[in-house]
Protein backbone atom coordinates (compact mmCIF):
# COMPACT_ATOMS: atom_id res chain seq x y z
CA MET A 1 -20.69 -13.20 -30.06
CA GLU A 2 -22.40 -10.04 -28.84
CA ARG A 3 -20.72 -6.67 -28.49
CA ARG A 4 -22.10 -3.73 -26.57
CA LYS A 5 -20.83 -0.65 -24.78
CA PHE A 6 -20.99 -1.06 -21.01
CA LEU A 7 -19.98 2.39 -19.75
CA GLY A 8 -19.83 5.72 -21.58
CA TYR A 9 -16.74 7.87 -21.14
CA THR A 10 -18.52 10.81 -19.52
CA VAL A 11 -20.59 8.57 -17.25
CA ALA A 12 -17.50 6.81 -15.95
CA THR A 13 -15.88 10.17 -15.27
CA GLY A 14 -18.54 11.65 -13.05
CA ALA A 15 -20.82 8.98 -11.60
CA SER A 16 -21.36 9.69 -7.90
CA LEU A 17 -24.17 8.36 -5.79
CA MET A 18 -23.00 7.94 -2.21
CA LEU A 19 -21.70 10.24 0.49
CA HIS A 20 -17.96 10.64 0.18
CA PRO A 21 -16.34 8.98 3.24
CA PHE A 22 -13.79 11.79 3.36
CA ALA A 23 -16.21 14.65 2.72
CA SER A 24 -14.82 16.38 5.82
CA PHE A 25 -11.62 16.95 3.82
CA ALA A 26 -13.35 19.51 1.61
CA ASN A 27 -13.17 23.15 2.62
CA LYS A 28 -16.80 24.15 3.01
CA THR A 29 -16.05 27.86 3.56
CA GLY A 30 -15.62 28.48 -0.16
CA ALA A 31 -11.95 29.28 0.26
CA LYS A 32 -9.33 27.26 -1.57
CA ILE A 33 -8.16 24.01 0.03
CA LYS A 34 -4.74 24.60 1.58
CA LEU A 35 -2.14 21.96 0.69
CA ALA A 36 1.33 21.19 2.01
CA LEU A 37 3.56 18.74 0.13
CA VAL A 38 6.40 16.73 1.65
CA GLY A 39 8.64 14.99 -0.89
CA THR A 40 9.30 16.89 -4.12
CA GLY A 41 10.63 14.06 -6.28
CA HIS A 42 9.21 13.03 -9.63
CA ARG A 43 5.80 11.83 -8.41
CA GLY A 44 5.34 14.56 -5.84
CA SER A 45 6.25 17.42 -8.12
CA SER A 46 4.31 16.13 -11.13
CA LEU A 47 0.97 14.50 -10.24
CA TRP A 48 0.72 16.12 -6.81
CA GLY A 49 2.30 19.38 -7.89
CA ILE A 50 2.25 20.71 -11.45
CA THR A 51 -0.66 18.51 -12.62
CA LEU A 52 -2.76 19.18 -9.53
CA ILE A 53 -2.37 22.95 -9.89
CA LYS A 54 -3.13 22.78 -13.62
CA ASN A 55 -6.36 20.80 -13.16
CA PHE A 56 -7.59 21.93 -9.75
CA GLY A 57 -5.88 25.28 -9.09
CA GLU A 58 -9.28 26.95 -8.84
CA VAL A 59 -10.13 24.97 -5.70
CA ALA A 60 -6.74 24.19 -4.14
CA GLU A 61 -3.50 26.04 -3.42
CA PHE A 62 -0.12 25.17 -1.95
CA VAL A 63 0.85 26.86 1.29
CA GLY A 64 4.10 24.91 1.84
CA LEU A 65 6.65 22.59 0.21
CA CYS A 66 9.08 20.41 2.15
CA ASP A 67 12.08 18.25 1.18
CA ILE A 68 15.43 17.24 2.65
CA ASN A 69 17.10 18.34 -0.60
CA PRO A 70 17.12 22.17 -0.81
CA GLY A 71 18.25 22.20 -4.44
CA ARG A 72 15.40 20.00 -5.61
CA LEU A 73 13.00 21.99 -3.45
CA ALA A 74 14.00 25.24 -5.14
CA PHE A 75 13.65 23.77 -8.63
CA VAL A 76 10.23 22.28 -7.92
CA LYS A 77 8.89 25.49 -6.40
CA GLU A 78 9.82 27.34 -9.59
CA ALA A 79 8.47 24.56 -11.83
CA MET A 80 5.14 24.56 -9.97
CA LYS A 81 4.96 28.36 -10.22
CA VAL A 82 3.85 28.76 -6.62
CA ASN A 83 4.71 31.49 -4.13
CA CYS A 84 4.44 29.45 -0.95
CA PRO A 85 7.35 29.12 1.51
CA SER A 86 9.73 26.15 1.37
CA PHE A 87 10.89 24.09 4.33
CA THR A 88 13.37 21.38 5.23
CA ASP A 89 11.67 21.03 8.65
CA PHE A 90 8.33 19.23 8.21
CA GLU A 91 6.78 20.05 11.58
CA LYS A 92 7.67 23.72 11.20
CA MET A 93 5.95 23.74 7.81
CA VAL A 94 2.75 22.28 9.24
CA ARG A 95 2.71 24.60 12.27
CA ASP A 96 3.49 27.72 10.23
CA THR A 97 1.19 27.09 7.25
CA LYS A 98 -1.76 25.28 8.90
CA PRO A 99 -2.77 23.25 5.81
CA ASP A 100 -6.05 21.40 5.32
CA TYR A 101 -4.13 18.45 3.85
CA VAL A 102 -0.57 17.19 3.98
CA ILE A 103 0.39 15.23 0.84
CA VAL A 104 3.09 12.61 1.51
CA THR A 105 5.24 11.56 -1.45
CA THR A 106 8.57 10.77 0.21
CA VAL A 107 10.59 7.53 0.15
CA ASP A 108 8.17 4.73 1.09
CA ALA A 109 9.92 3.79 4.33
CA THR A 110 9.43 7.34 5.66
CA HIS A 111 5.70 7.65 4.91
CA ASP A 112 4.76 6.65 8.46
CA GLU A 113 6.89 9.41 9.96
CA PHE A 114 5.10 12.19 8.11
CA ILE A 115 1.62 10.65 8.25
CA ILE A 116 1.82 10.30 12.02
CA LYS A 117 3.31 13.76 12.59
CA ALA A 118 0.60 15.34 10.45
CA LEU A 119 -2.18 13.50 12.30
CA ASN A 120 -0.68 14.48 15.66
CA LEU A 121 -0.64 18.10 14.50
CA GLY A 122 -4.32 17.90 13.56
CA VAL A 123 -4.08 17.69 9.76
CA ASN A 124 -5.71 15.31 7.28
CA VAL A 125 -3.35 13.31 5.07
CA ILE A 126 -3.16 12.11 1.49
CA THR A 127 -0.38 9.56 1.10
CA GLU A 128 0.99 7.97 -2.01
CA LYS A 129 0.92 4.21 -2.09
CA PRO A 130 2.20 2.16 -0.37
CA MET A 131 0.94 3.52 2.95
CA THR A 132 4.13 2.20 4.58
CA THR A 133 6.57 -0.72 4.35
CA ASP A 134 6.19 -3.03 7.36
CA GLU A 135 3.66 -4.19 9.92
CA VAL A 136 5.11 -2.19 12.83
CA LYS A 137 4.86 1.11 10.96
CA CYS A 138 1.41 0.11 9.74
CA LYS A 139 0.16 -0.33 13.30
CA ARG A 140 1.61 3.03 14.30
CA ILE A 141 -0.32 4.75 11.52
CA LEU A 142 -3.57 2.98 12.42
CA ASP A 143 -3.15 3.88 16.09
CA ALA A 144 -2.33 7.52 15.30
CA GLU A 145 -5.42 7.89 13.13
CA LYS A 146 -7.63 6.39 15.86
CA LYS A 147 -6.28 8.88 18.40
CA SER A 148 -6.80 11.86 16.11
CA ASP A 149 -9.99 13.34 14.67
CA LYS A 150 -8.41 13.38 11.21
CA LYS A 151 -8.30 10.93 8.31
CA VAL A 152 -5.83 9.47 5.85
CA ILE A 153 -6.56 8.90 2.16
CA VAL A 154 -4.33 6.34 0.42
CA ALA A 155 -3.90 7.32 -3.22
CA PHE A 156 -4.92 4.11 -4.98
CA ASN A 157 -5.34 5.71 -8.39
CA TYR A 158 -5.79 2.43 -10.27
CA ARG A 159 -9.22 1.95 -8.69
CA HIS A 160 -10.38 5.06 -10.52
CA SER A 161 -9.58 3.94 -14.07
CA VAL A 162 -12.60 3.54 -16.36
CA HIS A 163 -11.63 -0.05 -17.20
CA ASN A 164 -11.15 -1.15 -13.59
CA MET A 165 -14.43 0.44 -12.53
CA GLN A 166 -16.25 -1.46 -15.30
CA LEU A 167 -14.73 -4.71 -14.06
CA LYS A 168 -15.78 -3.85 -10.50
CA GLU A 169 -19.37 -3.30 -11.62
CA LEU A 170 -19.50 -6.64 -13.43
CA LEU A 171 -18.17 -8.46 -10.37
CA ALA A 172 -20.56 -6.63 -8.06
CA THR A 173 -23.52 -7.94 -10.08
CA GLU A 174 -22.21 -11.53 -9.70
CA ARG A 175 -22.43 -11.85 -13.46
CA VAL A 176 -20.71 -15.28 -13.40
CA GLY A 177 -21.90 -16.29 -9.94
CA LYS A 178 -19.81 -16.56 -6.82
CA ILE A 179 -16.12 -16.01 -7.60
CA THR A 180 -13.95 -18.91 -6.40
CA SER A 181 -10.49 -18.18 -7.79
CA VAL A 182 -8.43 -15.54 -9.60
CA ASP A 183 -5.37 -15.69 -11.87
CA PHE A 184 -3.51 -12.35 -11.97
CA ASN A 185 -0.25 -11.80 -13.87
CA TRP A 186 1.57 -8.48 -14.06
CA TYR A 187 4.46 -7.78 -16.43
CA LEU A 188 6.99 -4.94 -16.15
CA ASN A 189 9.10 -4.46 -19.24
CA VAL A 190 12.88 -4.15 -19.49
CA TYR A 191 12.58 -0.35 -19.52
CA HIS A 192 10.16 0.46 -16.72
CA GLY A 193 10.91 -2.72 -14.76
CA ALA A 194 14.64 -2.06 -14.85
CA ASP A 195 14.11 1.50 -13.63
CA TYR A 196 13.07 0.25 -10.19
CA PHE A 197 16.54 -1.25 -9.85
CA ARG A 198 18.26 2.05 -10.74
CA ARG A 199 16.55 3.90 -7.91
CA TRP A 200 16.14 3.67 -4.15
CA HIS A 201 13.33 1.15 -4.80
CA GLY A 202 15.98 -1.54 -5.30
CA GLN A 203 16.79 -1.52 -1.59
CA MET A 204 14.49 -3.41 0.75
CA ALA A 205 15.00 -0.95 3.60
CA LYS A 206 13.68 1.97 1.53
CA GLY A 207 10.85 0.54 -0.55
CA GLY A 208 9.96 -2.70 1.19
CA SER A 209 10.59 -4.56 -2.11
CA LEU A 210 8.28 -4.54 -5.14
CA TRP A 211 5.97 -6.80 -3.12
CA VAL A 212 5.08 -3.59 -1.30
CA HIS A 213 6.02 -0.64 -3.49
CA LYS A 214 4.58 -1.94 -6.76
CA ALA A 215 2.32 -4.87 -5.94
CA THR A 216 0.35 -2.86 -3.36
CA HIS A 217 -1.40 -1.40 -6.45
CA HIS A 218 -2.35 -4.88 -7.59
CA PHE A 219 -3.29 -6.27 -4.18
CA ASP A 220 -5.54 -3.29 -3.52
CA LEU A 221 -7.31 -3.91 -6.81
CA LEU A 222 -7.81 -7.55 -5.88
CA ASN A 223 -9.15 -6.65 -2.43
CA TRP A 224 -11.48 -4.04 -3.92
CA TRP A 225 -12.68 -6.15 -6.84
CA LEU A 226 -13.38 -9.11 -4.54
CA ASN A 227 -14.81 -6.92 -1.75
CA SER A 228 -12.90 -9.09 0.71
CA GLU A 229 -9.67 -9.19 2.70
CA PRO A 230 -6.73 -11.61 2.79
CA VAL A 231 -6.22 -14.19 5.53
CA GLU A 232 -3.13 -16.13 4.35
CA VAL A 233 -0.26 -15.79 1.88
CA MET A 234 2.22 -18.32 0.52
CA ALA A 235 4.90 -16.78 -1.68
CA TYR A 236 8.05 -17.43 -3.64
CA GLY A 237 10.59 -14.95 -4.90
CA SER A 238 14.22 -14.47 -5.82
CA LEU A 239 16.72 -12.04 -7.30
CA GLU A 240 17.90 -13.81 -10.44
CA HIS A 241 18.26 -11.12 -13.11
CA TYR A 242 19.33 -7.73 -11.73
CA GLY A 243 21.79 -6.87 -8.97
CA LYS A 244 24.69 -9.26 -8.48
CA ASN A 245 23.57 -11.42 -11.43
CA ASN A 246 25.92 -9.89 -13.99
CA PRO A 247 29.66 -10.14 -14.64
CA PHE A 248 30.19 -6.36 -14.71
CA ARG A 249 28.76 -3.32 -12.92
CA GLY A 250 29.34 0.36 -12.35
CA THR A 251 28.06 3.05 -10.01
CA LYS A 252 25.87 4.98 -12.41
CA CYS A 253 25.15 5.02 -16.13
CA ARG A 254 26.79 8.42 -16.64
CA GLY A 255 30.41 7.80 -17.53
CA CYS A 256 30.16 4.03 -17.12
CA GLU A 257 32.95 2.10 -18.84
CA HIS A 258 30.52 -0.72 -19.66
CA LYS A 259 27.86 1.35 -21.45
CA ASP A 260 28.72 0.04 -24.93
CA LYS A 261 27.98 -3.56 -23.95
CA CYS A 262 25.21 -3.03 -21.39
CA LYS A 263 21.71 -3.35 -22.81
CA PHE A 264 20.38 -1.55 -19.74
CA TYR A 265 22.49 1.58 -20.24
CA TRP A 266 20.24 4.62 -19.82
CA ASP A 267 21.16 8.22 -20.61
CA ILE A 268 19.45 10.42 -18.04
CA ASN A 269 20.79 13.51 -19.81
CA LYS A 270 18.13 13.00 -22.49
CA ASP A 271 15.46 13.89 -19.93
CA GLN A 272 15.98 17.51 -18.86
CA ARG A 273 13.36 17.31 -16.12
CA LEU A 274 15.18 14.44 -14.41
CA VAL A 275 18.48 16.27 -14.81
CA ASP A 276 17.02 19.33 -13.10
CA LEU A 277 15.34 17.28 -10.37
CA TYR A 278 18.13 14.87 -9.55
CA VAL A 279 21.47 15.24 -11.36
CA LYS A 280 21.89 18.92 -10.52
CA ASN A 281 21.08 18.26 -6.86
CA GLU A 282 23.12 15.13 -6.10
CA GLN A 283 25.54 17.14 -3.99
CA HIS A 284 22.85 17.83 -1.40
CA ASP A 285 21.86 14.27 -0.49
CA GLY A 286 23.99 11.92 -2.63
CA TYR A 287 21.00 10.36 -4.36
CA ILE A 288 21.88 8.98 -7.80
CA ARG A 289 18.88 8.64 -10.11
CA ASP A 290 20.67 6.62 -12.84
CA GLY A 291 22.22 4.00 -10.59
CA CYS A 292 23.51 0.70 -11.94
CA VAL A 293 20.91 -2.06 -12.26
CA TRP A 294 23.70 -4.53 -11.43
CA SER A 295 24.59 -2.90 -8.10
CA ASN A 296 25.49 -5.24 -5.26
CA GLU A 297 23.33 -3.10 -2.96
CA ILE A 298 20.17 -4.33 -4.69
CA ASP A 299 18.45 -6.81 -2.39
CA ILE A 300 14.82 -6.92 -3.55
CA TYR A 301 13.21 -9.70 -5.61
CA ASP A 302 12.88 -9.47 -9.39
CA LYS A 303 10.74 -12.63 -9.74
CA MET A 304 7.67 -13.04 -7.53
CA SER A 305 4.72 -15.38 -7.19
CA ALA A 306 2.09 -15.73 -4.47
CA GLN A 307 -1.09 -17.55 -3.55
CA ILE A 308 -3.51 -15.50 -1.47
CA ILE A 309 -6.45 -16.96 0.45
CA TYR A 310 -9.31 -14.54 1.11
CA ALA A 311 -11.79 -14.45 3.96
CA ASN A 312 -14.64 -15.11 1.49
CA GLY A 313 -12.96 -18.32 0.30
CA VAL A 314 -11.43 -17.00 -2.95
CA THR A 315 -7.94 -18.21 -3.88
CA ALA A 316 -5.87 -15.73 -5.91
CA ASN A 317 -2.75 -16.72 -7.83
CA TYR A 318 -0.51 -13.71 -8.50
CA SER A 319 2.81 -13.18 -10.26
CA LEU A 320 5.03 -10.18 -11.03
CA THR A 321 7.80 -10.24 -13.63
CA THR A 322 10.26 -7.32 -13.85
CA TYR A 323 12.08 -8.05 -17.12
CA SER A 324 9.37 -8.80 -19.65
CA PRO A 325 9.62 -7.72 -23.32
CA TYR A 326 6.30 -5.90 -22.89
CA GLU A 327 4.41 -4.16 -20.12
CA GLY A 328 0.84 -5.02 -19.18
CA TRP A 329 -1.38 -7.37 -17.20
CA GLN A 330 -3.94 -10.15 -17.51
CA ILE A 331 -6.56 -11.31 -15.04
CA ALA A 332 -9.26 -13.98 -14.96
CA PHE A 333 -12.02 -14.48 -12.39
CA ASN A 334 -13.41 -18.01 -12.19
CA GLY A 335 -17.00 -18.17 -10.94
CA MET A 336 -19.55 -20.86 -10.25
CA LYS A 337 -21.42 -19.93 -13.43
CA GLY A 338 -18.63 -18.81 -15.75
CA ARG A 339 -15.46 -16.80 -16.18
CA ILE A 340 -14.49 -13.15 -16.64
CA GLU A 341 -11.23 -12.25 -18.39
CA THR A 342 -9.59 -8.94 -19.19
CA TRP A 343 -6.16 -7.44 -19.85
CA GLU A 344 -4.30 -4.24 -20.56
CA ASP A 345 -1.51 -3.58 -23.03
CA ILE A 346 -0.76 -7.15 -24.07
CA PRO A 347 0.72 -6.64 -27.59
CA TYR A 348 -0.89 -9.63 -29.28
CA LEU A 349 -4.31 -8.74 -27.83
CA GLN A 350 -4.45 -5.07 -28.75
CA LYS A 351 -4.77 -3.40 -32.13
CA THR A 352 -1.71 -1.16 -31.94
CA PRO A 353 1.26 -2.41 -29.88
CA ASP A 354 2.95 0.26 -27.76
CA ASP A 355 6.50 1.53 -28.13
CA GLN A 356 7.86 -0.27 -25.07
CA ALA A 357 10.70 2.22 -24.55
CA LYS A 358 8.13 5.03 -24.22
CA ARG A 359 5.40 2.98 -22.57
CA HIS A 360 5.85 4.26 -19.02
CA ALA A 361 6.19 7.92 -20.04
CA VAL A 362 2.83 7.71 -21.82
CA GLU A 363 1.23 5.97 -18.84
CA MET A 364 2.44 8.65 -16.44
CA SER A 365 1.23 11.56 -18.57
CA ASN A 366 -1.74 13.62 -17.40
CA ALA A 367 -3.70 13.08 -20.61
CA ASP A 368 -7.38 12.30 -20.06
CA ASP A 369 -8.56 11.70 -23.59
CA ALA A 370 -10.00 8.55 -25.07
CA VAL A 371 -7.69 6.95 -27.63
CA LYS A 372 -9.55 7.14 -30.93
CA GLY A 373 -10.56 3.74 -32.25
CA ASP A 374 -9.19 1.80 -29.26
CA VAL A 375 -11.03 0.19 -26.37
CA ARG A 376 -10.47 -2.00 -23.34
CA GLU A 377 -12.34 -5.29 -23.46
CA ILE A 378 -13.75 -7.62 -20.82
CA LEU A 379 -14.80 -11.11 -21.91
CA VAL A 380 -17.61 -12.86 -20.04
CA MET A 381 -18.18 -16.57 -20.69
CA ASP A 382 -21.06 -18.54 -19.21
CA ASN A 383 -20.79 -22.26 -18.49
CA PHE A 384 -22.48 -24.52 -21.09
CA GLN A 385 -22.72 -21.67 -23.61
CA LYS A 386 -20.91 -21.46 -26.96
CA GLU A 387 -21.10 -17.67 -27.24
CA PHE A 388 -19.45 -15.10 -25.02
CA GLU A 389 -20.09 -11.46 -24.28
CA ILE A 390 -17.63 -8.58 -24.69
CA PHE A 391 -17.99 -5.40 -22.64
CA THR A 392 -15.97 -2.38 -23.76
CA THR A 393 -14.85 1.03 -22.51
CA PRO A 394 -12.62 3.58 -24.23
CA LYS A 395 -8.88 3.29 -23.70
CA ILE A 396 -7.73 6.44 -21.89
CA ALA A 397 -4.45 7.97 -23.04
CA GLY A 398 -2.56 8.40 -19.78
CA GLY A 399 -2.40 8.56 -16.01
CA HIS A 400 -3.21 4.94 -15.05
CA GLY A 401 -6.12 4.63 -17.44
CA GLY A 402 -7.55 7.99 -16.43
CA GLY A 403 -7.34 7.04 -12.76
CA ASP A 404 -5.03 9.87 -11.70
CA ILE A 405 -7.27 12.78 -12.65
CA ARG A 406 -10.45 10.99 -11.53
CA MET A 407 -8.95 10.28 -8.12
CA GLN A 408 -7.92 13.91 -7.66
CA ARG A 409 -11.32 15.11 -8.84
CA ARG A 410 -13.01 12.93 -6.22
CA ILE A 411 -10.69 14.28 -3.52
CA PHE A 412 -10.81 17.98 -4.33
CA VAL A 413 -14.05 18.59 -6.23
CA ASP A 414 -16.69 15.85 -5.89
CA THR A 415 -17.99 15.42 -2.37
CA ASN A 416 -19.63 12.14 -3.30
CA ASP A 417 -18.35 8.62 -3.77
CA ASN A 418 -19.67 6.11 -6.28
CA PRO A 419 -21.50 3.02 -5.03
CA HIS A 420 -18.38 0.90 -4.85
CA HIS A 421 -16.53 2.70 -2.05
CA ILE A 422 -13.79 3.79 -4.38
CA MET A 423 -12.00 6.09 -1.94
CA ALA A 424 -9.35 4.23 0.07
CA GLY A 425 -8.45 4.79 3.70
CA THR A 426 -5.99 3.28 6.16
CA ARG A 427 -7.72 -0.10 6.36
CA ASP A 428 -7.45 -0.43 2.59
CA GLY A 429 -3.85 0.72 2.75
CA ALA A 430 -3.08 -1.80 5.47
CA MET A 431 -4.72 -4.79 3.80
CA SER A 432 -2.85 -4.18 0.55
CA ILE A 433 0.62 -3.82 2.06
CA LEU A 434 0.07 -6.70 4.50
CA ILE A 435 -0.17 -9.10 1.56
CA GLY A 436 3.25 -7.94 0.38
CA ILE A 437 4.70 -7.99 3.88
CA ALA A 438 3.33 -11.50 4.41
CA ALA A 439 4.85 -12.53 1.07
CA ARG A 440 8.29 -11.31 2.17
CA LYS A 441 7.97 -13.22 5.42
CA SER A 442 6.73 -16.33 3.60
CA ILE A 443 9.76 -16.34 1.30
CA LYS A 444 12.17 -15.82 4.19
CA GLU A 445 10.63 -18.49 6.42
CA LYS A 446 9.44 -20.84 3.64
CA ARG A 447 5.92 -21.22 5.00
CA PRO A 448 2.40 -19.81 4.67
CA VAL A 449 1.91 -16.61 6.68
CA LYS A 450 -1.42 -15.61 8.19
CA ILE A 451 -2.38 -11.93 8.11
CA SER A 452 -3.30 -12.26 11.80
CA GLU A 453 0.42 -12.67 12.53
CA LEU A 454 0.98 -9.11 11.33
CA THR A 455 -2.02 -7.12 12.55
CA ASP A 456 -4.87 -7.10 15.02
CA LEU A 457 -7.26 -6.17 12.19
CA VAL A 458 -9.63 -9.09 11.63
CA PRO A 459 -9.96 -9.83 7.86
CA LEU A 460 -13.51 -9.36 6.63
CA ALA A 461 -15.19 -11.80 4.25
CA ASN A 462 -17.28 -8.91 2.90
CA ARG A 463 -15.70 -5.46 3.17
CA PHE A 464 -18.99 -3.64 2.53
């Protein structure tokens, strides 16, 4: 067995060789890039607010904040330490502040509304994933971008992790020959996984199900790693654990009469930031952050499996579990000449198992340091060979394997892309959500669903 370092930490951070496809986003006058944020919830106010200002405040500034909840808006403005005006009217914010970018971090089902309005008002957009939640809204976004002279970046941060970039480079070299199939399994633990069912994400109408909200991350990685696009999806899914599948339920964890016997009881009062963001502002919009995971309103799937056929002939088998004892993922690429395997955060495969209760908080931190003495590994096995090769990169402490800060650096500082087209636009956003949308339709109609049923985009065998 041979071991060798494949990518150095600093190299992975800054490698840039090609013209950035969104270079027009950068403010070439030397002035700071003007930003307007719509949606000041946890993700918007942290990664796209406090963290952005901390890391890139020298090149970017906020000129407006917008939210339907005035209480949350006031708290976030103070937490971000910005002096810009606040708005509850999005179009007024854009007209009054004239930003270079609008950053969209609202409820998934409303992304299209703000993306389209921003484009129509002549402003570039950065949107959190998923780009939107159904095929009709997807088409509206694509049409609006075509009519405008502006662009949309979809914030697929996982592409930017050091580990995922290393895997992309190995696949791009056809190290094990032509890839023919993929096995991809994602596990959400009983802490982070359950949290989706406490929030608005548990309702299909708001998040499009975890096929769209969560798995769009995973489908985008597949599309990018394979450099191809999906043509057909066959899926299975059900709601068998959360929601109605329990003999008792409440409205929210706070004050619940069942808390002593419910393993999923969660005390939001232990997190002061969430109390300030949500609990103190419930009276404005009625949103309850610590909702019951057994609510009868939950209508998304908690067990999901799909087979995806790609335009280049690859078959991908994918599964998502939302109540696993640990959080992590495993993937294997089968090629004509061998096999590539890798994983993240599988307890029996890593040196130091994570504290699962704190796992998500660590992942969402803005740390960008290598974890001392720990690495990510990729195994490469050639057919007819007894030995195998291990490629390693440092494990990065937080922010989607270092992807968060690298993505923002490429947007706001670097005006170059790396050779693997890492920046994602509307086509990438569409092809990732369309897999999830097709999966929903497949489950409902109990049949394979072709991507051509959902869009007039023609899937490409080779994206680039």
